[in-house]
Amino acid sequence: MGNLFGKIKETLGKQTHTLRDMSLKNNTGISERRFDISSQTRVPLKGDGGAIVFDKSAVLKVIVLALLLVFFCLLQTTFFTRFRIFNSVPDLILPMVVAVAISENEKWASIFGLVAGIIIDALSGSALVLLPLLYVLVGYIAGLLCIHFFRGSFVVRLSFTVITSLLRSVVTFIVVISTVGGADLGSALSKAALPELLVNILFAVLPHFIVYISLKGVNKTKKQI
């Protein structure tokens, strides 16, 4: 009888160990699957090598840029259309594109420029596609130059602002000549292109400063994360 109880006890002990091992394996498998799912959903949040990789900081950056874009678009199309300086409306979006290119990279700037150009054309009622094309080219080239050759110093920002403002005035000059009836080269240059150039350079400091401060805060938050 003692041997019988001993065998029963031994059998129950083996079954208990087997069930415990199976439970550990199942729990390990579940934790591994959870880790896999977590690792798949937690995408890195930093753009390395000029690429855009989405994470929490990238989503926050998109939100910040979207809010700034809405603010400056409304400022340009409402306030400055009523209170014109030198009878011109400053382009506040172009220095924003340059500021994004300097603070981030060419891909962020070119995508932002494309979206911003489409929005500002839609708000102004323009059927042309010159501004989105200009913003994309400016953002991409400025971003590449800042990554490989320049740093975001005041001199670099000022140089990029002057050059891009000249390009913007050329676009305005072409639009005036091609769309305004009876406009000659002299009047298009003196009444449209040159005043716009001065106004764009004068007010470019506002988008540059706000974008710089905002993106610096976002990038600082990312480092803390």
Protein backbone atom coordinates (compact mmCIF):
# COMPACT_ATOMS: atom_id res chain seq x y z
CA MET A 1 0.00 0.00 0.00
CA GLY A 2 2.86 2.36 0.82
CA ASN A 3 4.41 1.71 -2.59
CA LEU A 4 1.08 2.48 -4.26
CA PHE A 5 0.75 5.83 -2.52
CA GLY A 6 4.35 6.60 -3.35
CA LYS A 7 3.82 5.95 -7.03
CA ILE A 8 0.66 8.06 -7.03
CA LYS A 9 2.51 10.89 -5.31
CA GLU A 10 5.38 10.62 -7.77
CA THR A 11 2.99 10.67 -10.75
CA LEU A 12 1.14 13.71 -9.41
CA GLY A 13 4.44 15.49 -8.84
CA LYS A 14 5.56 14.87 -12.43
CA GLN A 15 2.23 16.12 -13.77
CA THR A 16 2.49 19.25 -11.61
CA HIS A 17 5.98 19.99 -12.94
CA THR A 18 4.79 19.41 -16.51
CA LEU A 19 1.85 21.77 -16.11
CA ARG A 20 4.16 24.37 -14.55
CA ASP A 21 6.60 24.10 -17.44
CA MET A 22 3.79 24.44 -19.97
CA SER A 23 2.49 27.50 -18.14
CA LEU A 24 5.92 29.12 -18.19
CA LYS A 25 6.31 28.43 -21.90
CA ASN A 26 2.89 29.91 -22.65
CA ASN A 27 3.62 33.01 -20.57
CA THR A 28 6.98 33.41 -22.27
CA GLY A 29 5.36 33.11 -25.67
CA ILE A 30 2.75 35.71 -24.77
CA SER A 31 5.38 38.11 -23.45
CA GLU A 32 7.48 37.58 -26.57
CA ARG A 33 4.50 38.28 -28.80
CA ARG A 34 3.72 41.39 -26.77
CA PHE A 35 7.31 42.52 -27.16
CA ASP A 36 7.15 41.92 -30.90
CA ILE A 37 3.95 43.92 -31.24
CA SER A 38 5.35 46.70 -29.07
CA SER A 39 8.56 46.81 -31.06
CA GLN A 40 6.60 47.00 -34.30
CA THR A 41 4.36 49.81 -33.15
CA ARG A 42 7.07 51.83 -31.48
CA VAL A 43 8.62 53.42 -34.53
CA PRO A 44 11.79 55.50 -34.03
CA LEU A 45 11.05 59.19 -33.74
CA LYS A 46 14.05 60.81 -35.39
CA GLY A 47 14.92 61.38 -39.01
CA ASP A 48 18.42 60.03 -39.59
CA GLY A 49 20.40 60.68 -42.71
CA GLY A 50 17.83 63.03 -44.17
CA ALA A 51 14.98 60.50 -43.89
CA ILE A 52 11.69 61.11 -42.13
CA VAL A 53 11.02 58.44 -39.49
CA PHE A 54 7.81 58.90 -37.54
CA ASP A 55 7.65 58.71 -33.78
CA LYS A 56 6.11 60.77 -31.01
CA SER A 57 8.42 63.72 -31.57
CA ALA A 58 7.79 63.62 -35.32
CA VAL A 59 4.02 63.69 -34.76
CA LEU A 60 4.47 66.61 -32.37
CA LYS A 61 6.64 68.35 -34.97
CA VAL A 62 3.96 67.91 -37.64
CA ILE A 63 1.33 69.38 -35.31
CA VAL A 64 3.53 72.37 -34.45
CA LEU A 65 4.35 73.07 -38.11
CA ALA A 66 0.69 72.73 -39.08
CA LEU A 67 -0.37 75.26 -36.44
CA LEU A 68 2.37 77.67 -37.48
CA LEU A 69 1.39 77.27 -41.13
CA VAL A 70 -2.24 78.08 -40.39
CA PHE A 71 -1.21 81.11 -38.33
CA PHE A 72 1.11 82.59 -40.96
CA CYS A 73 -1.25 81.82 -43.84
CA LEU A 74 -4.04 83.67 -42.07
CA LEU A 75 -1.69 86.50 -41.14
CA GLN A 76 -0.54 86.86 -44.73
CA THR A 77 -3.97 86.58 -46.38
CA THR A 78 -5.95 88.69 -43.90
CA PHE A 79 -3.89 91.25 -41.99
CA PHE A 80 -1.26 92.05 -44.60
CA THR A 81 -3.75 92.19 -47.44
CA ARG A 82 -5.49 95.03 -45.60
CA PHE A 83 -2.42 96.79 -44.25
CA ARG A 84 0.00 96.71 -47.15
CA ILE A 85 3.53 98.03 -46.81
CA PHE A 86 4.94 99.55 -50.00
CA ASN A 87 1.66 98.37 -51.52
CA SER A 88 2.88 94.75 -51.25
CA VAL A 89 1.95 91.68 -49.25
CA PRO A 90 4.95 89.91 -47.69
CA ASP A 91 5.42 86.22 -48.36
CA LEU A 92 5.65 84.77 -44.85
CA ILE A 93 5.57 81.15 -46.01
CA LEU A 94 8.82 81.21 -47.97
CA PRO A 95 11.00 82.08 -44.94
CA MET A 96 9.11 79.38 -43.03
CA VAL A 97 10.26 76.83 -45.62
CA VAL A 98 13.84 78.08 -45.30
CA ALA A 99 13.63 77.93 -41.50
CA VAL A 100 12.38 74.33 -41.61
CA ALA A 101 15.18 73.42 -44.02
CA ILE A 102 17.79 74.88 -41.68
CA SER A 103 16.34 73.38 -38.50
CA GLU A 104 15.49 69.94 -39.93
CA ASN A 105 16.48 68.56 -43.35
CA GLU A 106 15.61 68.73 -47.03
CA LYS A 107 12.81 66.16 -46.90
CA TRP A 108 10.96 67.89 -44.09
CA ALA A 109 11.37 71.24 -45.86
CA SER A 110 10.33 70.03 -49.33
CA ILE A 111 7.20 68.27 -48.03
CA PHE A 112 6.31 71.27 -45.91
CA GLY A 113 6.91 73.56 -48.89
CA LEU A 114 4.64 71.53 -51.13
CA VAL A 115 1.78 71.53 -48.62
CA ALA A 116 2.29 75.20 -47.77
CA GLY A 117 2.39 76.22 -51.43
CA ILE A 118 -0.84 74.41 -52.22
CA ILE A 119 -2.60 75.93 -49.21
CA ILE A 120 -1.46 79.50 -49.83
CA ASP A 121 -2.39 79.23 -53.52
CA ALA A 122 -5.84 77.95 -52.55
CA LEU A 123 -6.35 80.78 -50.04
CA SER A 124 -5.24 83.43 -52.50
CA GLY A 125 -7.38 81.98 -55.31
CA SER A 126 -4.43 81.42 -57.61
CA ALA A 127 -4.63 78.70 -60.23
CA LEU A 128 -0.87 78.73 -60.84
CA VAL A 129 1.50 76.08 -59.50
CA LEU A 130 4.60 78.27 -59.38
CA LEU A 131 4.60 78.77 -55.62
CA PRO A 132 4.42 75.06 -54.65
CA LEU A 133 7.19 74.35 -57.13
CA LEU A 134 9.29 77.24 -55.78
CA TYR A 135 8.76 76.22 -52.16
CA VAL A 136 9.68 72.60 -52.84
CA LEU A 137 12.88 73.55 -54.67
CA VAL A 138 13.86 76.10 -52.02
CA GLY A 139 13.24 73.66 -49.18
CA TYR A 140 15.10 70.80 -50.82
CA ILE A 141 18.16 72.80 -51.93
CA ALA A 142 18.42 74.81 -48.70
CA GLY A 143 18.13 71.63 -46.66
CA LEU A 144 20.89 69.89 -48.59
CA LEU A 145 23.17 72.91 -48.34
CA CYS A 146 22.66 73.17 -44.59
CA ILE A 147 23.30 69.46 -44.04
CA HIS A 148 26.50 69.25 -46.09
CA PHE A 149 28.00 72.74 -46.17
CA PHE A 150 26.44 75.31 -43.82
CA ARG A 151 25.19 75.68 -40.30
CA GLY A 152 22.11 77.57 -39.24
CA SER A 153 23.87 80.82 -38.34
CA PHE A 154 22.42 84.29 -38.73
CA VAL A 155 24.52 84.95 -41.84
CA VAL A 156 23.26 81.74 -43.48
CA ARG A 157 19.65 82.57 -42.67
CA LEU A 158 20.05 86.10 -44.00
CA SER A 159 21.75 84.89 -47.18
CA PHE A 160 19.09 82.28 -47.85
CA THR A 161 16.38 84.85 -47.15
CA VAL A 162 17.78 87.36 -49.62
CA ILE A 163 18.34 84.75 -52.36
CA THR A 164 14.91 83.14 -51.95
CA SER A 165 13.24 86.56 -51.81
CA LEU A 166 14.89 87.41 -55.12
CA LEU A 167 13.50 84.19 -56.60
CA ARG A 168 10.07 85.07 -55.21
CA SER A 169 10.25 88.51 -56.83
CA VAL A 170 11.16 86.89 -60.14
CA VAL A 171 8.05 84.73 -59.87
CA THR A 172 5.96 87.82 -59.12
CA PHE A 173 7.50 89.64 -62.06
CA ILE A 174 6.66 86.74 -64.40
CA VAL A 175 3.09 86.53 -63.09
CA VAL A 176 2.50 90.28 -63.48
CA ILE A 177 3.88 90.36 -67.00
CA SER A 178 1.89 87.31 -68.09
CA THR A 179 -1.44 88.07 -66.40
CA VAL A 180 -1.83 91.84 -66.04
CA GLY A 181 -2.86 93.45 -69.27
CA GLY A 182 -0.85 96.47 -70.35
CA ALA A 183 1.87 96.00 -67.72
CA ASP A 184 5.30 96.90 -69.04
CA LEU A 185 8.64 95.70 -67.70
CA GLY A 186 9.38 98.92 -65.82
CA SER A 187 6.10 99.08 -63.94
CA ALA A 188 6.15 95.36 -63.15
CA LEU A 189 9.63 95.78 -61.71
CA SER A 190 9.15 99.04 -59.81
CA LYS A 191 5.58 98.58 -58.59
CA ALA A 192 5.50 94.84 -57.92
CA ALA A 193 8.79 92.95 -57.85
CA LEU A 194 11.09 95.39 -56.01
CA PRO A 195 8.58 96.45 -53.29
CA GLU A 196 7.78 92.80 -52.65
CA LEU A 197 11.50 92.01 -52.37
CA LEU A 198 11.98 94.67 -49.69
CA VAL A 199 8.88 93.62 -47.75
CA ASN A 200 9.80 89.93 -47.85
CA ILE A 201 13.29 90.58 -46.48
CA LEU A 202 11.90 92.96 -43.84
CA PHE A 203 9.32 90.54 -42.42
CA ALA A 204 11.27 87.29 -42.87
CA VAL A 205 12.69 87.58 -39.37
CA LEU A 206 9.29 86.82 -37.82
CA PRO A 207 8.76 83.33 -39.38
CA HIS A 208 12.46 82.50 -38.94
CA PHE A 209 12.42 83.28 -35.25
CA ILE A 210 9.11 81.57 -34.42
CA VAL A 211 9.92 78.40 -36.40
CA TYR A 212 13.39 78.24 -34.86
CA ILE A 213 12.07 78.57 -31.29
CA SER A 214 9.22 76.11 -31.88
CA LEU A 215 11.32 73.37 -33.48
CA LYS A 216 14.05 73.84 -30.91
CA GLY A 217 11.47 73.20 -28.19
CA VAL A 218 10.19 70.09 -29.97
CA ASN A 219 13.69 68.68 -30.44
CA LYS A 220 14.51 69.42 -26.80
CA THR A 221 11.38 67.54 -25.74
CA LYS A 222 12.44 64.58 -27.87
CA LYS A 223 15.84 64.40 -26.15
CA GLN A 224 14.09 64.29 -22.77
CA ILE A 225 11.87 61.44 -24.03
